[in-house]
N, C-alpha and C. Protein backbone atom coordinates (compact mmCIF):
# COMPACT_ATOMS: atom_id res chain seq x y z
N UNK A 1 96.99 92.18 55.91
CA UNK A 1 97.74 92.09 57.16
C UNK A 1 98.32 90.68 57.25
N UNK A 2 99.58 90.59 57.60
CA UNK A 2 100.24 89.28 57.65
C UNK A 2 99.85 88.53 58.92
N UNK A 3 100.03 87.23 58.86
CA UNK A 3 99.73 86.37 60.01
C UNK A 3 100.67 86.72 61.17
N UNK A 4 101.91 87.06 60.85
CA UNK A 4 102.88 87.42 61.90
C UNK A 4 102.43 88.65 62.67
N UNK A 5 101.94 89.67 61.99
CA UNK A 5 101.47 90.88 62.69
C UNK A 5 100.22 90.58 63.52
N UNK A 6 99.36 89.70 63.03
CA UNK A 6 98.17 89.31 63.81
C UNK A 6 98.61 88.58 65.08
N UNK A 7 99.57 87.68 64.95
CA UNK A 7 100.07 86.94 66.13
C UNK A 7 100.73 87.89 67.12
N UNK A 8 101.48 88.87 66.65
CA UNK A 8 102.12 89.84 67.55
C UNK A 8 101.07 90.66 68.30
N UNK A 9 99.99 91.05 67.61
CA UNK A 9 98.91 91.79 68.28
C UNK A 9 98.29 90.93 69.37
N UNK A 10 98.04 89.68 69.07
CA UNK A 10 97.44 88.78 70.06
C UNK A 10 98.40 88.55 71.23
N UNK A 11 99.68 88.36 70.95
CA UNK A 11 100.65 88.17 72.03
C UNK A 11 100.76 89.40 72.93
N UNK A 12 100.70 90.59 72.34
CA UNK A 12 100.70 91.81 73.15
C UNK A 12 99.46 91.86 74.03
N UNK A 13 98.32 91.45 73.50
CA UNK A 13 97.09 91.39 74.30
C UNK A 13 97.21 90.41 75.45
N UNK A 14 97.83 89.25 75.19
CA UNK A 14 98.01 88.25 76.25
C UNK A 14 98.94 88.79 77.33
N UNK A 15 99.99 89.49 76.93
CA UNK A 15 100.90 90.10 77.90
C UNK A 15 100.16 91.11 78.77
N UNK A 16 99.31 91.92 78.15
CA UNK A 16 98.52 92.88 78.94
C UNK A 16 97.56 92.16 79.89
N UNK A 17 96.98 91.04 79.44
CA UNK A 17 96.15 90.24 80.34
C UNK A 17 96.96 89.72 81.52
N UNK A 18 98.17 89.26 81.28
CA UNK A 18 99.02 88.80 82.38
C UNK A 18 99.34 89.92 83.36
N UNK A 19 99.62 91.10 82.83
CA UNK A 19 99.88 92.25 83.70
C UNK A 19 98.64 92.54 84.54
N UNK A 20 97.49 92.51 83.91
CA UNK A 20 96.23 92.76 84.63
C UNK A 20 95.99 91.70 85.70
N UNK A 21 96.23 90.47 85.35
CA UNK A 21 95.89 89.37 86.25
C UNK A 21 96.89 89.20 87.38
N UNK A 22 98.17 89.41 87.10
CA UNK A 22 99.21 89.12 88.09
C UNK A 22 99.74 90.33 88.83
N UNK A 23 99.78 91.49 88.19
CA UNK A 23 100.43 92.65 88.79
C UNK A 23 99.43 93.65 89.33
N UNK A 24 98.49 94.09 88.51
CA UNK A 24 97.53 95.11 88.93
C UNK A 24 96.10 94.58 88.79
N UNK A 25 95.67 93.77 89.76
CA UNK A 25 94.35 93.16 89.64
C UNK A 25 93.23 94.20 89.68
N UNK A 26 92.14 93.82 89.09
CA UNK A 26 90.99 94.71 88.98
C UNK A 26 90.73 94.96 87.51
N UNK A 27 89.78 95.80 87.22
CA UNK A 27 89.50 96.13 85.82
C UNK A 27 90.20 97.43 85.53
N UNK A 28 91.34 97.34 84.82
CA UNK A 28 92.13 98.53 84.52
C UNK A 28 92.36 98.61 83.02
N UNK A 29 93.13 99.60 82.63
CA UNK A 29 93.45 99.83 81.22
C UNK A 29 94.16 98.61 80.63
N UNK A 30 95.03 97.95 81.42
CA UNK A 30 95.76 96.79 80.91
C UNK A 30 94.79 95.67 80.52
N UNK A 31 93.81 95.40 81.35
CA UNK A 31 92.84 94.35 81.04
C UNK A 31 91.96 94.69 79.86
N UNK A 32 91.50 95.92 79.82
CA UNK A 32 90.65 96.36 78.71
C UNK A 32 91.46 96.37 77.42
N UNK A 33 92.69 96.89 77.49
CA UNK A 33 93.55 96.90 76.32
C UNK A 33 93.89 95.49 75.85
N UNK A 34 94.15 94.58 76.79
CA UNK A 34 94.43 93.20 76.44
C UNK A 34 93.26 92.55 75.73
N UNK A 35 92.07 92.78 76.24
CA UNK A 35 90.87 92.23 75.60
C UNK A 35 90.70 92.77 74.19
N UNK A 36 90.89 94.09 74.04
CA UNK A 36 90.73 94.71 72.72
C UNK A 36 91.76 94.17 71.74
N UNK A 37 93.02 94.02 72.18
CA UNK A 37 94.06 93.51 71.29
C UNK A 37 93.82 92.05 70.90
N UNK A 38 93.45 91.20 71.87
CA UNK A 38 93.20 89.80 71.55
C UNK A 38 91.99 89.67 70.63
N UNK A 39 90.90 90.34 70.97
CA UNK A 39 89.70 90.28 70.13
C UNK A 39 89.97 90.88 68.75
N UNK A 40 90.71 91.98 68.71
CA UNK A 40 91.04 92.61 67.44
C UNK A 40 91.93 91.72 66.58
N UNK A 41 92.87 91.04 67.21
CA UNK A 41 93.75 90.13 66.48
C UNK A 41 92.97 88.97 65.89
N UNK A 42 92.07 88.40 66.65
CA UNK A 42 91.24 87.30 66.13
C UNK A 42 90.34 87.81 65.01
N UNK A 43 89.75 88.99 65.21
CA UNK A 43 88.91 89.57 64.16
C UNK A 43 89.69 89.80 62.88
N UNK A 44 90.92 90.34 63.02
CA UNK A 44 91.76 90.57 61.84
C UNK A 44 92.11 89.26 61.15
N UNK A 45 92.29 88.20 61.92
CA UNK A 45 92.55 86.89 61.33
C UNK A 45 91.40 86.44 60.45
N UNK A 46 90.18 86.61 60.92
CA UNK A 46 89.01 86.25 60.12
C UNK A 46 88.85 87.20 58.93
N UNK A 47 89.02 88.48 59.17
CA UNK A 47 88.75 89.49 58.14
C UNK A 47 89.76 89.45 57.00
N UNK A 48 91.06 89.36 57.35
CA UNK A 48 92.10 89.44 56.33
C UNK A 48 92.54 88.08 55.79
N UNK A 49 92.37 87.01 56.53
CA UNK A 49 92.91 85.72 56.14
C UNK A 49 91.85 84.66 55.87
N UNK A 50 90.60 84.96 56.08
CA UNK A 50 89.54 84.00 55.79
C UNK A 50 89.12 83.20 57.00
N UNK A 51 88.08 82.41 56.79
CA UNK A 51 87.46 81.68 57.89
C UNK A 51 88.36 80.57 58.42
N UNK A 52 88.98 79.80 57.55
CA UNK A 52 89.78 78.67 58.04
C UNK A 52 91.00 79.16 58.83
N UNK A 53 91.71 80.17 58.33
CA UNK A 53 92.85 80.72 59.08
C UNK A 53 92.37 81.41 60.35
N UNK A 54 91.24 82.07 60.28
CA UNK A 54 90.67 82.71 61.47
C UNK A 54 90.34 81.70 62.54
N UNK A 55 89.82 80.54 62.14
CA UNK A 55 89.53 79.47 63.12
C UNK A 55 90.81 78.97 63.77
N UNK A 56 91.86 78.78 62.97
CA UNK A 56 93.14 78.36 63.54
C UNK A 56 93.68 79.40 64.52
N UNK A 57 93.57 80.66 64.17
CA UNK A 57 94.04 81.73 65.06
C UNK A 57 93.21 81.75 66.34
N UNK A 58 91.90 81.59 66.23
CA UNK A 58 91.03 81.59 67.41
C UNK A 58 91.37 80.42 68.33
N UNK A 59 91.49 79.22 67.78
CA UNK A 59 91.81 78.05 68.59
C UNK A 59 93.21 78.19 69.20
N UNK A 60 94.17 78.65 68.40
CA UNK A 60 95.52 78.84 68.90
C UNK A 60 95.58 79.88 70.02
N UNK A 61 94.80 80.95 69.87
CA UNK A 61 94.76 81.98 70.91
C UNK A 61 94.18 81.43 72.21
N UNK A 62 93.09 80.69 72.10
CA UNK A 62 92.48 80.11 73.30
C UNK A 62 93.41 79.16 74.02
N UNK A 63 94.03 78.26 73.28
CA UNK A 63 94.95 77.30 73.89
C UNK A 63 96.17 78.03 74.47
N UNK A 64 96.70 79.00 73.74
CA UNK A 64 97.86 79.76 74.23
C UNK A 64 97.55 80.49 75.52
N UNK A 65 96.39 81.11 75.57
CA UNK A 65 96.04 81.86 76.79
C UNK A 65 95.92 80.92 77.98
N UNK A 66 95.28 79.78 77.78
CA UNK A 66 95.13 78.82 78.88
C UNK A 66 96.50 78.33 79.33
N UNK A 67 97.34 77.93 78.39
CA UNK A 67 98.68 77.42 78.75
C UNK A 67 99.53 78.48 79.43
N UNK A 68 99.52 79.68 78.94
CA UNK A 68 100.34 80.74 79.53
C UNK A 68 99.88 81.06 80.95
N UNK A 69 98.56 81.13 81.18
CA UNK A 69 98.07 81.42 82.52
C UNK A 69 98.35 80.28 83.48
N UNK A 70 98.19 79.03 83.02
CA UNK A 70 98.49 77.89 83.88
C UNK A 70 99.97 77.87 84.23
N UNK A 71 100.84 78.09 83.24
CA UNK A 71 102.27 78.11 83.52
C UNK A 71 102.65 79.26 84.45
N UNK A 72 102.05 80.41 84.26
CA UNK A 72 102.37 81.56 85.13
C UNK A 72 101.98 81.28 86.57
N UNK A 73 100.87 80.59 86.78
CA UNK A 73 100.44 80.28 88.14
C UNK A 73 101.24 79.13 88.74
N UNK A 74 101.57 78.12 87.94
CA UNK A 74 102.34 76.99 88.46
C UNK A 74 103.77 77.38 88.79
N UNK A 75 104.37 78.23 87.98
CA UNK A 75 105.75 78.64 88.21
C UNK A 75 105.84 79.78 89.23
N UNK A 76 104.72 80.19 89.75
CA UNK A 76 104.64 81.26 90.75
C UNK A 76 105.30 82.53 90.25
N UNK A 77 105.10 82.82 88.97
CA UNK A 77 105.64 84.03 88.36
C UNK A 77 105.10 85.27 89.06
N UNK A 78 103.89 85.20 89.49
CA UNK A 78 103.25 86.36 90.11
C UNK A 78 103.96 86.78 91.38
N UNK A 79 104.67 85.88 92.05
CA UNK A 79 105.38 86.26 93.28
C UNK A 79 106.54 87.20 93.00
N UNK A 80 107.11 87.11 91.81
CA UNK A 80 108.22 88.00 91.46
C UNK A 80 107.74 89.43 91.26
N UNK A 81 106.52 89.61 90.83
CA UNK A 81 106.01 90.93 90.50
C UNK A 81 105.12 91.51 91.59
N UNK A 82 104.60 90.69 92.47
CA UNK A 82 103.64 91.15 93.46
C UNK A 82 104.28 91.92 94.60
N UNK A 83 103.46 92.57 95.35
CA UNK A 83 103.89 93.34 96.51
C UNK A 83 104.35 92.40 97.61
N UNK A 84 105.54 92.66 98.17
CA UNK A 84 106.12 91.77 99.16
C UNK A 84 106.12 92.35 100.58
N UNK A 85 105.66 93.54 100.75
CA UNK A 85 105.73 94.14 102.08
C UNK A 85 104.63 93.59 102.98
N UNK A 86 104.92 93.56 104.24
CA UNK A 86 103.95 93.12 105.23
C UNK A 86 103.79 94.20 106.28
N UNK A 87 102.68 94.17 106.93
CA UNK A 87 102.40 95.14 107.98
C UNK A 87 102.90 94.57 109.29
N UNK A 88 103.80 95.28 109.93
CA UNK A 88 104.41 94.80 111.16
C UNK A 88 103.82 95.47 112.40
N UNK A 89 103.02 96.50 112.21
CA UNK A 89 102.50 97.24 113.35
C UNK A 89 101.42 96.48 114.09
N UNK A 90 101.25 96.84 115.33
CA UNK A 90 100.21 96.22 116.15
C UNK A 90 99.48 97.30 116.92
N UNK A 91 98.30 96.96 117.32
CA UNK A 91 97.54 97.85 118.19
C UNK A 91 98.09 97.68 119.60
N UNK A 92 98.39 98.80 120.22
CA UNK A 92 98.89 98.73 121.59
C UNK A 92 97.73 98.37 122.51
N UNK A 93 97.86 97.24 123.16
CA UNK A 93 96.83 96.80 124.10
C UNK A 93 97.03 97.56 125.40
N UNK A 94 95.97 98.15 125.86
CA UNK A 94 96.05 98.96 127.08
C UNK A 94 95.79 98.05 128.27
N UNK A 95 96.81 97.86 129.08
CA UNK A 95 96.59 97.09 130.30
C UNK A 95 96.33 98.05 131.45
N UNK A 96 95.75 97.54 132.48
CA UNK A 96 95.32 98.38 133.60
C UNK A 96 96.49 98.99 134.36
N UNK A 97 97.67 98.38 134.27
CA UNK A 97 98.81 98.88 135.02
C UNK A 97 99.43 100.12 134.37
N UNK A 98 99.34 100.24 133.04
CA UNK A 98 100.03 101.32 132.33
C UNK A 98 99.34 102.65 132.53
N UNK A 99 98.06 102.73 132.26
CA UNK A 99 97.31 103.98 132.42
C UNK A 99 95.94 103.68 133.00
N UNK A 100 95.35 104.71 133.57
CA UNK A 100 94.00 104.57 134.14
C UNK A 100 93.30 105.91 134.06
N UNK A 101 92.01 105.88 134.27
CA UNK A 101 91.21 107.11 134.25
C UNK A 101 91.75 108.04 135.34
N UNK A 102 91.96 109.31 134.96
CA UNK A 102 92.48 110.31 135.88
C UNK A 102 93.95 110.62 135.66
N UNK A 103 94.65 109.77 134.90
CA UNK A 103 96.06 110.06 134.59
C UNK A 103 96.14 111.31 133.73
N UNK A 104 97.23 112.03 133.91
CA UNK A 104 97.42 113.27 133.16
C UNK A 104 98.54 113.11 132.15
N UNK A 105 98.50 113.96 131.12
CA UNK A 105 99.54 113.91 130.10
C UNK A 105 99.55 115.19 129.30
N UNK A 106 100.20 115.13 128.15
CA UNK A 106 100.34 116.30 127.29
C UNK A 106 100.20 115.85 125.85
N UNK A 107 99.47 116.63 125.06
CA UNK A 107 99.31 116.29 123.65
C UNK A 107 100.62 116.54 122.92
N UNK A 108 100.94 115.66 121.99
CA UNK A 108 102.16 115.79 121.20
C UNK A 108 101.88 116.61 119.96
N UNK A 109 100.72 116.40 119.37
CA UNK A 109 100.30 117.13 118.17
C UNK A 109 98.85 117.54 118.37
N UNK A 110 98.36 118.33 117.45
CA UNK A 110 96.97 118.80 117.54
C UNK A 110 96.01 117.63 117.42
N UNK A 111 95.03 117.57 118.28
CA UNK A 111 93.99 116.55 118.23
C UNK A 111 92.82 117.11 117.43
N UNK A 112 92.46 116.41 116.35
CA UNK A 112 91.39 116.92 115.50
C UNK A 112 90.40 115.82 115.14
N UNK A 113 89.65 115.27 115.96
CA UNK A 113 89.70 115.11 117.42
C UNK A 113 90.54 113.93 117.88
N UNK A 114 91.26 113.26 116.95
CA UNK A 114 92.11 112.14 117.32
C UNK A 114 93.56 112.54 117.09
N UNK A 115 94.44 112.12 117.99
CA UNK A 115 95.85 112.44 117.84
C UNK A 115 96.69 111.69 118.86
N UNK A 116 97.93 112.11 119.02
CA UNK A 116 98.87 111.46 119.92
C UNK A 116 99.06 112.29 121.18
N UNK A 117 99.25 111.57 122.29
CA UNK A 117 99.51 112.23 123.57
C UNK A 117 100.52 111.41 124.35
N UNK A 118 101.30 112.11 125.14
CA UNK A 118 102.30 111.48 126.00
C UNK A 118 101.69 111.36 127.40
N UNK A 119 101.48 110.11 127.81
CA UNK A 119 100.88 109.85 129.12
C UNK A 119 101.78 108.86 129.84
N UNK A 120 102.22 109.21 131.03
CA UNK A 120 103.10 108.35 131.84
C UNK A 120 104.33 107.90 131.04
N UNK A 121 104.94 108.83 130.32
CA UNK A 121 106.14 108.60 129.53
C UNK A 121 105.95 107.58 128.40
N UNK A 122 104.73 107.41 127.94
CA UNK A 122 104.45 106.53 126.80
C UNK A 122 103.53 107.27 125.84
N UNK A 123 103.69 106.99 124.55
CA UNK A 123 102.91 107.65 123.52
C UNK A 123 101.67 106.82 123.20
N UNK A 124 100.50 107.45 123.25
CA UNK A 124 99.23 106.78 122.98
C UNK A 124 98.42 107.57 121.96
N UNK A 125 97.56 106.86 121.25
CA UNK A 125 96.59 107.53 120.40
C UNK A 125 95.37 107.80 121.27
N UNK A 126 94.98 109.07 121.31
CA UNK A 126 93.86 109.47 122.16
C UNK A 126 92.84 110.22 121.33
N UNK A 127 91.67 110.35 121.88
CA UNK A 127 90.61 111.09 121.19
C UNK A 127 89.84 111.95 122.17
N UNK A 128 89.45 113.12 121.67
CA UNK A 128 88.65 114.03 122.49
C UNK A 128 87.18 113.78 122.21
N UNK A 129 86.33 114.53 122.85
CA UNK A 129 84.89 114.37 122.67
C UNK A 129 84.39 115.13 121.45
N UNK A 130 85.24 115.30 120.45
CA UNK A 130 84.86 115.99 119.24
C UNK A 130 85.44 117.39 119.13
N UNK A 131 86.09 117.85 120.18
CA UNK A 131 86.67 119.19 120.14
C UNK A 131 88.13 119.10 119.70
N UNK A 132 88.61 120.18 119.13
CA UNK A 132 90.00 120.27 118.72
C UNK A 132 90.83 120.72 119.91
N UNK A 133 91.98 120.07 120.10
CA UNK A 133 92.87 120.41 121.21
C UNK A 133 94.25 120.68 120.60
N UNK A 134 94.84 121.81 120.95
CA UNK A 134 96.13 122.20 120.40
C UNK A 134 97.26 121.33 120.95
N UNK A 135 98.39 121.36 120.26
CA UNK A 135 99.58 120.63 120.70
C UNK A 135 100.09 121.23 122.01
N UNK A 136 100.76 120.43 122.80
CA UNK A 136 101.35 120.81 124.09
C UNK A 136 100.30 121.27 125.09
N UNK A 137 99.08 120.77 124.98
CA UNK A 137 98.02 121.08 125.95
C UNK A 137 98.03 120.00 127.03
N UNK A 138 97.77 120.41 128.25
CA UNK A 138 97.67 119.46 129.35
C UNK A 138 96.31 118.78 129.26
N UNK A 139 96.31 117.45 129.40
CA UNK A 139 95.07 116.68 129.26
C UNK A 139 94.92 115.74 130.44
N UNK A 140 93.72 115.18 130.57
CA UNK A 140 93.42 114.19 131.59
C UNK A 140 92.53 113.12 130.95
N UNK A 141 92.75 111.87 131.34
CA UNK A 141 91.97 110.76 130.79
C UNK A 141 90.61 110.74 131.48
N UNK A 142 89.55 110.75 130.67
CA UNK A 142 88.20 110.71 131.22
C UNK A 142 87.61 109.31 131.23
N UNK A 143 87.91 108.51 130.19
CA UNK A 143 87.44 107.13 130.17
C UNK A 143 88.28 106.32 129.18
N UNK A 144 88.27 105.00 129.40
CA UNK A 144 88.96 104.07 128.52
C UNK A 144 87.96 103.01 128.12
N UNK A 145 87.76 102.86 126.80
CA UNK A 145 86.83 101.84 126.28
C UNK A 145 87.60 100.94 125.32
N UNK A 146 87.95 99.75 125.76
CA UNK A 146 88.75 98.84 124.94
C UNK A 146 90.13 99.40 124.72
N UNK A 147 90.47 99.70 123.48
CA UNK A 147 91.76 100.30 123.16
C UNK A 147 91.63 101.78 122.85
N UNK A 148 90.51 102.37 123.16
CA UNK A 148 90.28 103.79 122.90
C UNK A 148 90.41 104.56 124.20
N UNK A 149 91.22 105.63 124.14
CA UNK A 149 91.43 106.48 125.31
C UNK A 149 90.78 107.82 125.02
N UNK A 150 89.85 108.21 125.86
CA UNK A 150 89.16 109.48 125.70
C UNK A 150 89.73 110.47 126.71
N UNK A 151 89.97 111.69 126.22
CA UNK A 151 90.61 112.70 127.08
C UNK A 151 89.84 114.00 126.97
N UNK A 152 90.18 114.91 127.86
CA UNK A 152 89.72 116.30 127.77
C UNK A 152 90.83 117.18 128.32
N UNK A 153 90.73 118.46 128.02
CA UNK A 153 91.78 119.36 128.50
C UNK A 153 91.67 119.51 130.01
N UNK A 154 92.83 119.69 130.60
CA UNK A 154 92.88 119.86 132.07
C UNK A 154 92.58 121.32 132.38
N UNK A 155 91.67 121.55 133.25
CA UNK A 155 91.28 122.93 133.62
C UNK A 155 92.15 123.49 134.70
């Protein structure tokens, strides 16, 4: 096996390590494959080219990996590949003026046991006491605990 093919195997392993480290963190196929390719490339260097060439390949691989990872982090390469979306939603804070215990409304969708309801012309997430309530059912607020609105069907 030529030194060039050993270096290409190691470079492919380093690329998979970069993918693992910067794009899909965790222990995935890319990380395992990168480890196998780098270790296999170093092993092939020792096996096919002898101890002295194997040592050069091992030292070169270690230095290359350190330099590539440092450069990738300093140049903020990971920002180009990473997820850029942010969560813009907020929890609707229930103030005492908007709704209160005893207010009536109508379910928008089926509550199983949590769902949406229209109360005082505003949409809220509500929950029943564990029972399923069909859509378009008339409801009444029984209690409010923090940001949780508990309802039951209107009799």
